[in-house]
Protein backbone atom coordinates (compact mmCIF):
# COMPACT_ATOMS: atom_id res chain seq x y z
CA UNK A 1 0.00 0.00 0.00
CA UNK A 2 1.12 3.58 -0.61
CA UNK A 3 2.26 5.47 2.47
CA UNK A 4 0.66 8.71 3.72
CA UNK A 5 -2.36 8.72 1.37
CA UNK A 6 -5.05 7.72 3.86
CA UNK A 7 -6.64 10.15 6.35
CA UNK A 8 -6.09 9.66 10.06
CA UNK A 9 -8.59 7.30 11.70
CA UNK A 10 -9.42 8.51 15.20
CA UNK A 11 -12.30 8.56 17.70
CA UNK A 12 -14.83 11.34 16.96
CA UNK A 13 -17.95 12.38 18.89
CA UNK A 14 -21.01 12.69 16.65
CA UNK A 15 -23.69 14.97 18.14
CA UNK A 16 -27.24 14.45 16.88
CA UNK A 17 -28.79 17.93 17.12
CA UNK A 18 -32.37 16.62 16.87
CA UNK A 19 -32.27 14.21 19.82
CA UNK A 20 -29.23 15.69 21.61
CA UNK A 21 -27.57 12.25 21.65
CA UNK A 22 -23.80 11.89 21.41
CA UNK A 23 -21.93 8.89 19.95
CA UNK A 24 -18.21 8.14 20.12
CA UNK A 25 -17.23 6.42 16.86
CA UNK A 26 -13.97 5.95 14.98
CA UNK A 27 -13.96 8.13 11.88
CA UNK A 28 -11.82 10.01 9.37
CA UNK A 29 -14.16 13.02 9.16
CA UNK A 30 -12.44 16.42 9.28
CA UNK A 31 -13.62 18.66 12.13
CA UNK A 32 -12.57 21.94 13.67
CA UNK A 33 -14.55 21.70 16.93
CA UNK A 34 -13.76 19.66 20.05
CA UNK A 35 -15.86 18.49 22.98
CA UNK A 36 -15.25 17.08 26.45
CA UNK A 37 -16.86 13.61 26.46
CA UNK A 38 -16.52 11.06 29.28
CA UNK A 39 -13.50 12.88 30.71
CA UNK A 40 -11.56 13.08 27.41
CA UNK A 41 -11.36 15.70 24.68
CA UNK A 42 -12.46 14.51 21.23
CA UNK A 43 -13.16 16.11 17.84
CA UNK A 44 -16.86 16.97 17.43
CA UNK A 45 -19.01 16.51 14.32
CA UNK A 46 -22.62 17.72 14.39
CA UNK A 47 -25.31 15.85 12.44
CA UNK A 48 -28.97 16.70 11.87
CA UNK A 49 -30.25 13.12 12.05
CA UNK A 50 -28.92 9.77 13.25
CA UNK A 51 -30.31 6.44 14.39
CA UNK A 52 -31.36 8.14 17.64
CA UNK A 53 -33.76 10.50 15.84
CA UNK A 54 -34.58 8.89 12.48
CA UNK A 55 -38.22 7.75 12.29
CA UNK A 56 -37.26 4.36 10.82
CA UNK A 57 -35.16 3.46 13.86
CA UNK A 58 -37.30 5.11 16.54
CA UNK A 59 -40.65 3.81 15.25
CA UNK A 60 -42.18 7.29 15.52
CA UNK A 61 -43.62 9.30 12.70
CA UNK A 62 -41.54 12.21 11.44
CA UNK A 63 -42.16 15.53 13.13
CA UNK A 64 -43.36 17.80 10.36
CA UNK A 65 -42.87 21.50 10.79
CA UNK A 66 -46.30 23.05 10.30
CA UNK A 67 -44.87 26.55 10.16
CA UNK A 68 -42.64 25.62 7.24
CA UNK A 69 -45.56 24.17 5.32
CA UNK A 70 -47.70 27.26 5.94
CA UNK A 71 -44.89 29.52 4.68
CA UNK A 72 -44.45 27.36 1.60
CA UNK A 73 -48.21 27.48 0.92
CA UNK A 74 -48.32 31.27 1.36
CA UNK A 75 -45.38 31.73 -0.99
CA UNK A 76 -47.01 29.64 -3.67
CA UNK A 77 -50.67 30.63 -3.31
CA UNK A 78 -50.62 33.81 -1.19
CA UNK A 79 -52.05 37.15 -2.25
CA UNK A 80 -51.16 38.00 -5.81
């Protein structure tokens, strides 16, 4: 194998912003933030959805933002 062509594999904390869950997983993802997790400092990568918040894994229906749908409707069919 060629030397020095692969990114560094290290433990990274993934923070699910929807459910506020944190996971420590080995990854090569590039991050600029760090977090204190279980007494150690790790790189932090924020995600919008993970297995902790995805409807398929939780068994719950997706939370639909009603405000977003109303705005979309008003943009499309509002006063002309």
